[in-house]
């Protein structure tokens, strides 16, 4: 007994979500690594602190949750598209 399964074609929005989630996660990882390694190399965060340290911290802090939300959105969209394709088949 074989199960007939029709996969829906991948939309442009799904590709954009996938690529943007990967890019955001990589940027967050790189900024986190930079923030963790800066004191090890003897650099100061500055007094007064410069704007780019705050920007790196914000990317590291918010990047992973945003990437996770994009991946969950992508998974839900893919499930809905596959269900619609299987009902039509």
PDB file of N, CA and C in Angstrom:
ATOM      1  N   UNK A   1       0.842  -1.155   0.000  1.00  0.00           N
ATOM      2  CA  UNK A   1       0.000   0.000   0.000  1.00  0.00           C
ATOM      3  C   UNK A   1       0.903   1.238   0.000  1.00  0.00           C
ATOM      4  N   UNK A   2       0.702   2.093  -0.960  1.00  0.00           N
ATOM      5  CA  UNK A   2       1.503   3.306  -1.027  1.00  0.00           C
ATOM      6  C   UNK A   2       0.626   4.519  -0.757  1.00  0.00           C
ATOM      7  N   UNK A   3       1.231   5.464  -0.111  1.00  0.00           N
ATOM      8  CA  UNK A   3       0.524   6.701   0.213  1.00  0.00           C
ATOM      9  C   UNK A   3       0.882   7.731  -0.841  1.00  0.00           C
ATOM     10  N   UNK A   4      -0.122   8.248  -1.503  1.00  0.00           N
ATOM     11  CA  UNK A   4       0.099   9.275  -2.515  1.00  0.00           C
ATOM     12  C   UNK A   4       0.219  10.619  -1.815  1.00  0.00           C
ATOM     13  N   UNK A   5       1.316  11.299  -2.094  1.00  0.00           N
ATOM     14  CA  UNK A   5       1.546  12.580  -1.441  1.00  0.00           C
ATOM     15  C   UNK A   5       2.017  13.582  -2.481  1.00  0.00           C
ATOM     16  N   UNK A   6       1.329  14.680  -2.560  1.00  0.00           N
ATOM     17  CA  UNK A   6       1.707  15.730  -3.509  1.00  0.00           C
ATOM     18  C   UNK A   6       2.261  16.910  -2.722  1.00  0.00           C
ATOM     19  N   UNK A   7       3.513  17.242  -2.977  1.00  0.00           N
ATOM     20  CA  UNK A   7       4.113  18.406  -2.329  1.00  0.00           C
ATOM     21  C   UNK A   7       3.778  19.657  -3.116  1.00  0.00           C
ATOM     22  N   UNK A   8       3.416  20.684  -2.391  1.00  0.00           N
ATOM     23  CA  UNK A   8       3.114  21.954  -3.033  1.00  0.00           C
ATOM     24  C   UNK A   8       4.419  22.601  -3.483  1.00  0.00           C
ATOM     25  N   UNK A   9       4.391  23.341  -4.567  1.00  0.00           N
ATOM     26  CA  UNK A   9       5.613  24.018  -4.995  1.00  0.00           C
ATOM     27  C   UNK A   9       6.025  25.098  -3.986  1.00  0.00           C
ATOM     28  N   UNK A  10       7.303  25.319  -3.898  1.00  0.00           N
ATOM     29  CA  UNK A  10       7.834  26.303  -2.961  1.00  0.00           C
ATOM     30  C   UNK A  10       7.595  27.710  -3.502  1.00  0.00           C
ATOM     31  N   UNK A  11       7.035  28.552  -2.667  1.00  0.00           N
ATOM     32  CA  UNK A  11       6.742  29.913  -3.105  1.00  0.00           C
ATOM     33  C   UNK A  11       7.942  30.826  -2.857  1.00  0.00           C
ATOM     34  N   UNK A  12       7.883  31.982  -3.454  1.00  0.00           N
ATOM     35  CA  UNK A  12       8.948  32.967  -3.288  1.00  0.00           C
ATOM     36  C   UNK A  12       9.013  33.447  -1.841  1.00  0.00           C
ATOM     37  N   UNK A  13       7.856  33.602  -1.212  1.00  0.00           N
ATOM     38  CA  UNK A  13       7.819  34.040   0.181  1.00  0.00           C
ATOM     39  C   UNK A  13       8.498  33.030   1.099  1.00  0.00           C
ATOM     40  N   UNK A  14       8.308  31.750   0.838  1.00  0.00           N
ATOM     41  CA  UNK A  14       8.965  30.722   1.648  1.00  0.00           C
ATOM     42  C   UNK A  14      10.475  30.772   1.490  1.00  0.00           C
ATOM     43  N   UNK A  15      10.934  30.988   0.275  1.00  0.00           N
ATOM     44  CA  UNK A  15      12.381  31.116   0.063  1.00  0.00           C
ATOM     45  C   UNK A  15      12.937  32.338   0.755  1.00  0.00           C
ATOM     46  N   UNK A  16      12.199  33.448   0.706  1.00  0.00           N
ATOM     47  CA  UNK A  16      12.651  34.670   1.376  1.00  0.00           C
ATOM     48  C   UNK A  16      12.695  34.460   2.881  1.00  0.00           C
ATOM     49  N   UNK A  17      11.680  33.804   3.447  1.00  0.00           N
ATOM     50  CA  UNK A  17      11.674  33.524   4.880  1.00  0.00           C
ATOM     51  C   UNK A  17      12.842  32.633   5.282  1.00  0.00           C
ATOM     52  N   UNK A  18      13.119  31.614   4.478  1.00  0.00           N
ATOM     53  CA  UNK A  18      14.210  30.696   4.802  1.00  0.00           C
ATOM     54  C   UNK A  18      15.564  31.406   4.759  1.00  0.00           C
ATOM     55  N   UNK A  19      15.792  32.159   3.707  1.00  0.00           N
ATOM     56  CA  UNK A  19      17.074  32.845   3.568  1.00  0.00           C
ATOM     57  C   UNK A  19      17.240  33.913   4.636  1.00  0.00           C
ATOM     58  N   UNK A  20      16.185  34.678   4.908  1.00  0.00           N
ATOM     59  CA  UNK A  20      16.306  35.731   5.911  1.00  0.00           C
ATOM     60  C   UNK A  20      16.496  35.164   7.312  1.00  0.00           C
ATOM     61  N   UNK A  21      15.873  34.028   7.615  1.00  0.00           N
ATOM     62  CA  UNK A  21      16.084  33.443   8.939  1.00  0.00           C
ATOM     63  C   UNK A  21      17.516  32.960   9.104  1.00  0.00           C
ATOM     64  N   UNK A  22      18.084  32.383   8.058  1.00  0.00           N
ATOM     65  CA  UNK A  22      19.474  31.937   8.137  1.00  0.00           C
ATOM     66  C   UNK A  22      20.415  33.131   8.263  1.00  0.00           C
ATOM     67  N   UNK A  23      20.172  34.172   7.488  1.00  0.00           N
ATOM     68  CA  UNK A  23      21.032  35.356   7.534  1.00  0.00           C
ATOM     69  C   UNK A  23      20.957  36.023   8.912  1.00  0.00           C
ATOM     70  N   UNK A  24      19.765  36.156   9.460  1.00  0.00           N
ATOM     71  CA  UNK A  24      19.604  36.785  10.775  1.00  0.00           C
ATOM     72  C   UNK A  24      20.276  35.940  11.857  1.00  0.00           C
ATOM     73  N   UNK A  25      20.135  34.621  11.783  1.00  0.00           N
ATOM     74  CA  UNK A  25      20.767  33.755  12.781  1.00  0.00           C
ATOM     75  C   UNK A  25      22.289  33.818  12.689  1.00  0.00           C
ATOM     76  N   UNK A  26      22.832  33.863  11.480  1.00  0.00           N
ATOM     77  CA  UNK A  26      24.284  33.960  11.314  1.00  0.00           C
ATOM     78  C   UNK A  26      24.797  35.314  11.822  1.00  0.00           C
ATOM     79  N   UNK A  27      24.077  36.384  11.501  1.00  0.00           N
ATOM     80  CA  UNK A  27      24.477  37.696  12.005  1.00  0.00           C
ATOM     81  C   UNK A  27      24.432  37.747  13.528  1.00  0.00           C
ATOM     82  N   UNK A  28      23.417  37.151  14.122  1.00  0.00           N
ATOM     83  CA  UNK A  28      23.322  37.122  15.580  1.00  0.00           C
ATOM     84  C   UNK A  28      24.464  36.317  16.184  1.00  0.00           C
ATOM     85  N   UNK A  29      24.813  35.200  15.551  1.00  0.00           N
ATOM     86  CA  UNK A  29      25.913  34.383  16.052  1.00  0.00           C
ATOM     87  C   UNK A  29      27.249  35.119  15.944  1.00  0.00           C
ATOM     88  N   UNK A  30      27.479  35.764  14.824  1.00  0.00           N
ATOM     89  CA  UNK A  30      28.726  36.515  14.636  1.00  0.00           C
ATOM     90  C   UNK A  30      28.811  37.668  15.626  1.00  0.00           C
ATOM     91  N   UNK A  31      27.719  38.390  15.828  1.00  0.00           N
ATOM     92  CA  UNK A  31      27.759  39.509  16.775  1.00  0.00           C
ATOM     93  C   UNK A  31      27.943  39.009  18.202  1.00  0.00           C
ATOM     94  N   UNK A  32      27.380  37.854  18.539  1.00  0.00           N
ATOM     95  CA  UNK A  32      27.579  37.284  19.864  1.00  0.00           C
ATOM     96  C   UNK A  32      29.030  36.873  20.066  1.00  0.00           C
ATOM     97  N   UNK A  33      29.620  36.255  19.061  1.00  0.00           N
ATOM     98  CA  UNK A  33      31.028  35.860  19.154  1.00  0.00           C
ATOM     99  C   UNK A  33      31.919  37.086  19.287  1.00  0.00           C
ATOM    100  N   UNK A  34      31.630  38.129  18.520  1.00  0.00           N
ATOM    101  CA  UNK A  34      32.422  39.362  18.615  1.00  0.00           C
ATOM    102  C   UNK A  34      32.306  39.968  20.008  1.00  0.00           C
ATOM    103  N   UNK A  35      31.097  40.017  20.543  1.00  0.00           N
ATOM    104  CA  UNK A  35      30.908  40.586  21.873  1.00  0.00           C
ATOM    105  C   UNK A  35      31.599  39.763  22.953  1.00  0.00           C
ATOM    106  N   UNK A  36      31.670  38.462  22.774  1.00  0.00           N
ATOM    107  CA  UNK A  36      32.340  37.629  23.765  1.00  0.00           C
ATOM    108  C   UNK A  36      33.860  37.681  23.641  1.00  0.00           C
ATOM    109  N   UNK A  37      34.386  37.889  22.435  1.00  0.00           N
ATOM    110  CA  UNK A  37      35.822  37.895  22.231  1.00  0.00           C
ATOM    111  C   UNK A  37      36.475  39.261  22.411  1.00  0.00           C
ATOM    112  N   UNK A  38      35.710  40.325  22.351  1.00  0.00           N
ATOM    113  CA  UNK A  38      36.287  41.675  22.464  1.00  0.00           C
ATOM    114  C   UNK A  38      37.045  41.865  23.775  1.00  0.00           C
ATOM    115  N   UNK A  39      36.499  41.516  24.923  1.00  0.00           N
ATOM    116  CA  UNK A  39      37.276  41.691  26.155  1.00  0.00           C
ATOM    117  C   UNK A  39      38.500  40.765  26.230  1.00  0.00           C
ATOM    118  N   UNK A  40      38.446  39.610  25.585  1.00  0.00           N
ATOM    119  CA  UNK A  40      39.580  38.690  25.619  1.00  0.00           C
ATOM    120  C   UNK A  40      40.792  39.260  24.890  1.00  0.00           C
ATOM    121  N   UNK A  41      40.569  40.085  23.892  1.00  0.00           N
ATOM    122  CA  UNK A  41      41.664  40.694  23.155  1.00  0.00           C
ATOM    123  C   UNK A  41      42.075  42.047  23.711  1.00  0.00           C
ATOM    124  N   UNK A  42      41.477  42.458  24.797  1.00  0.00           N
ATOM    125  CA  UNK A  42      41.893  43.673  25.473  1.00  0.00           C
ATOM    126  C   UNK A  42      41.246  44.944  24.977  1.00  0.00           C
ATOM    127  N   UNK A  43      40.260  44.844  24.121  1.00  0.00           N
ATOM    128  CA  UNK A  43      39.570  46.042  23.663  1.00  0.00           C
ATOM    129  C   UNK A  43      38.594  46.505  24.735  1.00  0.00           C
ATOM    130  N   UNK A  44      38.408  47.782  24.806  1.00  0.00           N
ATOM    131  CA  UNK A  44      37.455  48.354  25.755  1.00  0.00           C
ATOM    132  C   UNK A  44      36.138  48.611  25.034  1.00  0.00           C
ATOM    133  N   UNK A  45      35.061  48.547  25.777  1.00  0.00           N
ATOM    134  CA  UNK A  45      33.773  48.891  25.195  1.00  0.00           C
ATOM    135  C   UNK A  45      33.599  50.396  25.097  1.00  0.00           C
ATOM    136  N   UNK A  46      34.512  51.142  25.662  1.00  0.00           N
ATOM    137  CA  UNK A  46      34.506  52.591  25.526  1.00  0.00           C
ATOM    138  C   UNK A  46      33.861  53.281  26.701  1.00  0.00           C
ATOM    139  N   UNK A  47      34.317  54.484  26.932  1.00  0.00           N
ATOM    140  CA  UNK A  47      33.736  55.301  27.988  1.00  0.00           C
ATOM    141  C   UNK A  47      33.645  56.718  27.461  1.00  0.00           C
ATOM    142  N   UNK A  48      32.572  57.236  26.996  1.00  0.00           N
ATOM    143  CA  UNK A  48      31.238  56.635  26.949  1.00  0.00           C
ATOM    144  C   UNK A  48      31.167  55.559  25.880  1.00  0.00           C
ATOM    145  N   UNK A  49      30.248  54.632  26.039  1.00  0.00           N
ATOM    146  CA  UNK A  49      30.167  53.531  25.075  1.00  0.00           C
ATOM    147  C   UNK A  49      29.776  54.004  23.681  1.00  0.00           C
ATOM    148  N   UNK A  50      30.373  53.382  22.694  1.00  0.00           N
ATOM    149  CA  UNK A  50      30.076  53.724  21.305  1.00  0.00           C
ATOM    150  C   UNK A  50      28.767  53.062  20.874  1.00  0.00           C
ATOM    151  N   UNK A  51      28.149  53.589  19.835  1.00  0.00           N
ATOM    152  CA  UNK A  51      26.848  53.108  19.387  1.00  0.00           C
ATOM    153  C   UNK A  51      26.913  51.704  18.823  1.00  0.00           C
ATOM    154  N   UNK A  52      28.042  51.317  18.218  1.00  0.00           N
ATOM    155  CA  UNK A  52      28.092  50.018  17.558  1.00  0.00           C
ATOM    156  C   UNK A  52      28.112  48.855  18.545  1.00  0.00           C
ATOM    157  N   UNK A  53      28.574  49.071  19.775  1.00  0.00           N
ATOM    158  CA  UNK A  53      28.489  47.988  20.761  1.00  0.00           C
ATOM    159  C   UNK A  53      27.029  47.729  21.133  1.00  0.00           C
ATOM    160  N   UNK A  54      26.275  48.808  21.241  1.00  0.00           N
ATOM    161  CA  UNK A  54      24.846  48.641  21.526  1.00  0.00           C
ATOM    162  C   UNK A  54      24.128  47.961  20.363  1.00  0.00           C
ATOM    163  N   UNK A  55      24.513  48.298  19.135  1.00  0.00           N
ATOM    164  CA  UNK A  55      23.898  47.670  17.965  1.00  0.00           C
ATOM    165  C   UNK A  55      24.250  46.184  17.900  1.00  0.00           C
ATOM    166  N   UNK A  56      25.510  45.840  18.180  1.00  0.00           N
ATOM    167  CA  UNK A  56      25.899  44.432  18.199  1.00  0.00           C
ATOM    168  C   UNK A  56      25.162  43.661  19.285  1.00  0.00           C
ATOM    169  N   UNK A  57      25.005  44.290  20.431  1.00  0.00           N
ATOM    170  CA  UNK A  57      24.282  43.642  21.519  1.00  0.00           C
ATOM    171  C   UNK A  57      22.813  43.434  21.147  1.00  0.00           C
ATOM    172  N   UNK A  58      22.209  44.407  20.496  1.00  0.00           N
ATOM    173  CA  UNK A  58      20.806  44.276  20.090  1.00  0.00           C
ATOM    174  C   UNK A  58      20.645  43.175  19.041  1.00  0.00           C
ATOM    175  N   UNK A  59      21.572  43.081  18.090  1.00  0.00           N
ATOM    176  CA  UNK A  59      21.496  42.026  17.076  1.00  0.00           C
ATOM    177  C   UNK A  59      21.668  40.654  17.730  1.00  0.00           C
ATOM    178  N   UNK A  60      22.594  40.546  18.666  1.00  0.00           N
ATOM    179  CA  UNK A  60      22.804  39.262  19.345  1.00  0.00           C
ATOM    180  C   UNK A  60      21.614  38.909  20.228  1.00  0.00           C
ATOM    181  N   UNK A  61      21.001  39.899  20.830  1.00  0.00           N
ATOM    182  CA  UNK A  61      19.905  39.653  21.769  1.00  0.00           C
ATOM    183  C   UNK A  61      18.594  39.326  21.059  1.00  0.00           C
ATOM    184  N   UNK A  62      18.297  40.050  19.991  1.00  0.00           N
ATOM    185  CA  UNK A  62      17.016  39.881  19.302  1.00  0.00           C
ATOM    186  C   UNK A  62      17.101  39.014  18.044  1.00  0.00           C
ATOM    187  N   UNK A  63      18.288  38.738  17.551  1.00  0.00           N
ATOM    188  CA  UNK A  63      18.438  38.010  16.296  1.00  0.00           C
ATOM    189  C   UNK A  63      17.946  36.582  16.358  1.00  0.00           C
ATOM    190  N   UNK A  64      18.324  35.853  17.397  1.00  0.00           N
ATOM    191  CA  UNK A  64      17.918  34.455  17.497  1.00  0.00           C
ATOM    192  C   UNK A  64      16.409  34.289  17.664  1.00  0.00           C
ATOM    193  N   UNK A  65      15.746  35.062  18.523  1.00  0.00           N
ATOM    194  CA  UNK A  65      14.283  34.923  18.587  1.00  0.00           C
ATOM    195  C   UNK A  65      13.569  35.278  17.284  1.00  0.00           C
ATOM    196  N   UNK A  66      14.041  36.297  16.591  1.00  0.00           N
ATOM    197  CA  UNK A  66      13.424  36.669  15.311  1.00  0.00           C
ATOM    198  C   UNK A  66      13.634  35.551  14.286  1.00  0.00           C
ATOM    199  N   UNK A  67      14.838  34.987  14.243  1.00  0.00           N
ATOM    200  CA  UNK A  67      15.099  33.881  13.319  1.00  0.00           C
ATOM    201  C   UNK A  67      14.234  32.669  13.663  1.00  0.00           C
ATOM    202  N   UNK A  68      14.046  32.399  14.948  1.00  0.00           N
ATOM    203  CA  UNK A  68      13.202  31.283  15.366  1.00  0.00           C
ATOM    204  C   UNK A  68      11.753  31.506  14.946  1.00  0.00           C
ATOM    205  N   UNK A  69      11.254  32.725  15.117  1.00  0.00           N
ATOM    206  CA  UNK A  69       9.882  33.036  14.713  1.00  0.00           C
ATOM    207  C   UNK A  69       9.719  32.886  13.200  1.00  0.00           C
ATOM    208  N   UNK A  70      10.727  33.305  12.435  1.00  0.00           N
ATOM    209  CA  UNK A  70      10.666  33.145  10.982  1.00  0.00           C
ATOM    210  C   UNK A  70      10.656  31.673  10.583  1.00  0.00           C
ATOM    211  N   UNK A  71      11.438  30.850  11.271  1.00  0.00           N
ATOM    212  CA  UNK A  71      11.464  29.418  10.954  1.00  0.00           C
ATOM    213  C   UNK A  71      10.123  28.767  11.302  1.00  0.00           C
ATOM    214  N   UNK A  72       9.553  29.134  12.440  1.00  0.00           N
ATOM    215  CA  UNK A  72       8.243  28.582  12.814  1.00  0.00           C
ATOM    216  C   UNK A  72       7.186  29.014  11.804  1.00  0.00           C
ATOM    217  N   UNK A  73       7.226  30.263  11.379  1.00  0.00           N
ATOM    218  CA  UNK A  73       6.294  30.742  10.356  1.00  0.00           C
ATOM    219  C   UNK A  73       6.466  29.960   9.059  1.00  0.00           C
ATOM    220  N   UNK A  74       7.704  29.709   8.677  1.00  0.00           N
ATOM    221  CA  UNK A  74       7.979  28.937   7.470  1.00  0.00           C
ATOM    222  C   UNK A  74       7.433  27.511   7.586  1.00  0.00           C
ATOM    223  N   UNK A  75       7.618  26.895   8.727  1.00  0.00           N
ATOM    224  CA  UNK A  75       7.119  25.530   8.924  1.00  0.00           C
ATOM    225  C   UNK A  75       5.595  25.494   8.843  1.00  0.00           C
ATOM    226  N   UNK A  76       4.941  26.451   9.475  1.00  0.00           N
ATOM    227  CA  UNK A  76       3.475  26.485   9.442  1.00  0.00           C
ATOM    228  C   UNK A  76       2.974  26.725   8.021  1.00  0.00           C
ATOM    229  N   UNK A  77       3.603  27.644   7.299  1.00  0.00           N
ATOM    230  CA  UNK A  77       3.200  27.895   5.912  1.00  0.00           C
ATOM    231  C   UNK A  77       3.379  26.648   5.051  1.00  0.00           C
ATOM    232  N   UNK A  78       4.481  25.927   5.263  1.00  0.00           N
ATOM    233  CA  UNK A  78       4.747  24.712   4.493  1.00  0.00           C
ATOM    234  C   UNK A  78       3.727  23.628   4.811  1.00  0.00           C
ATOM    235  N   UNK A  79       3.358  23.501   6.081  1.00  0.00           N
ATOM    236  CA  UNK A  79       2.354  22.503   6.463  1.00  0.00           C
ATOM    237  C   UNK A  79       1.006  22.811   5.828  1.00  0.00           C
ATOM    238  N   UNK A  80       0.624  24.079   5.848  1.00  0.00           N
ATOM    239  CA  UNK A  80      -0.661  24.462   5.252  1.00  0.00           C
ATOM    240  C   UNK A  80      -0.646  24.221   3.745  1.00  0.00           C
ATOM    241  N   UNK A  81       0.451  24.571   3.082  1.00  0.00           N
ATOM    242  CA  UNK A  81       0.531  24.370   1.634  1.00  0.00           C
ATOM    243  C   UNK A  81       0.494  22.890   1.276  1.00  0.00           C
ATOM    244  N   UNK A  82       1.171  22.056   2.053  1.00  0.00           N
ATOM    245  CA  UNK A  82       1.166  20.620   1.769  1.00  0.00           C
ATOM    246  C   UNK A  82      -0.207  20.015   2.023  1.00  0.00           C
ATOM    247  N   UNK A  83      -0.898  20.465   3.057  1.00  0.00           N
ATOM    248  CA  UNK A  83      -2.247  19.959   3.321  1.00  0.00           C
ATOM    249  C   UNK A  83      -3.180  20.327   2.179  1.00  0.00           C
ATOM    250  N   UNK A  84      -3.089  21.549   1.697  1.00  0.00           N
ATOM    251  CA  UNK A  84      -3.936  21.967   0.579  1.00  0.00           C
ATOM    252  C   UNK A  84      -3.616  21.154  -0.670  1.00  0.00           C
ATOM    253  N   UNK A  85      -2.341  20.885  -0.901  1.00  0.00           N
ATOM    254  CA  UNK A  85      -1.948  20.117  -2.086  1.00  0.00           C
ATOM    255  C   UNK A  85      -2.423  18.674  -1.969  1.00  0.00           C
ATOM    256  N   UNK A  86      -2.375  18.116  -0.768  1.00  0.00           N
ATOM    257  CA  UNK A  86      -2.843  16.734  -0.583  1.00  0.00           C
ATOM    258  C   UNK A  86      -4.351  16.618  -0.695  1.00  0.00           C
ATOM    259  N   UNK A  87      -5.073  17.633  -0.283  1.00  0.00           N
ATOM    260  CA  UNK A  87      -6.526  17.605  -0.433  1.00  0.00           C
ATOM    261  C   UNK A  87      -6.932  17.710  -1.888  1.00  0.00           C
ATOM    262  N   UNK A  88      -6.185  18.488  -2.653  1.00  0.00           N
ATOM    263  CA  UNK A  88      -6.509  18.673  -4.060  1.00  0.00           C
ATOM    264  C   UNK A  88      -6.154  17.434  -4.892  1.00  0.00           C
ATOM    265  N   UNK A  89      -5.189  16.671  -4.402  1.00  0.00           N
ATOM    266  CA  UNK A  89      -4.733  15.499  -5.185  1.00  0.00           C
ATOM    267  C   UNK A  89      -5.633  14.303  -5.024  1.00  0.00           C
TER     268      UNK A  89
END
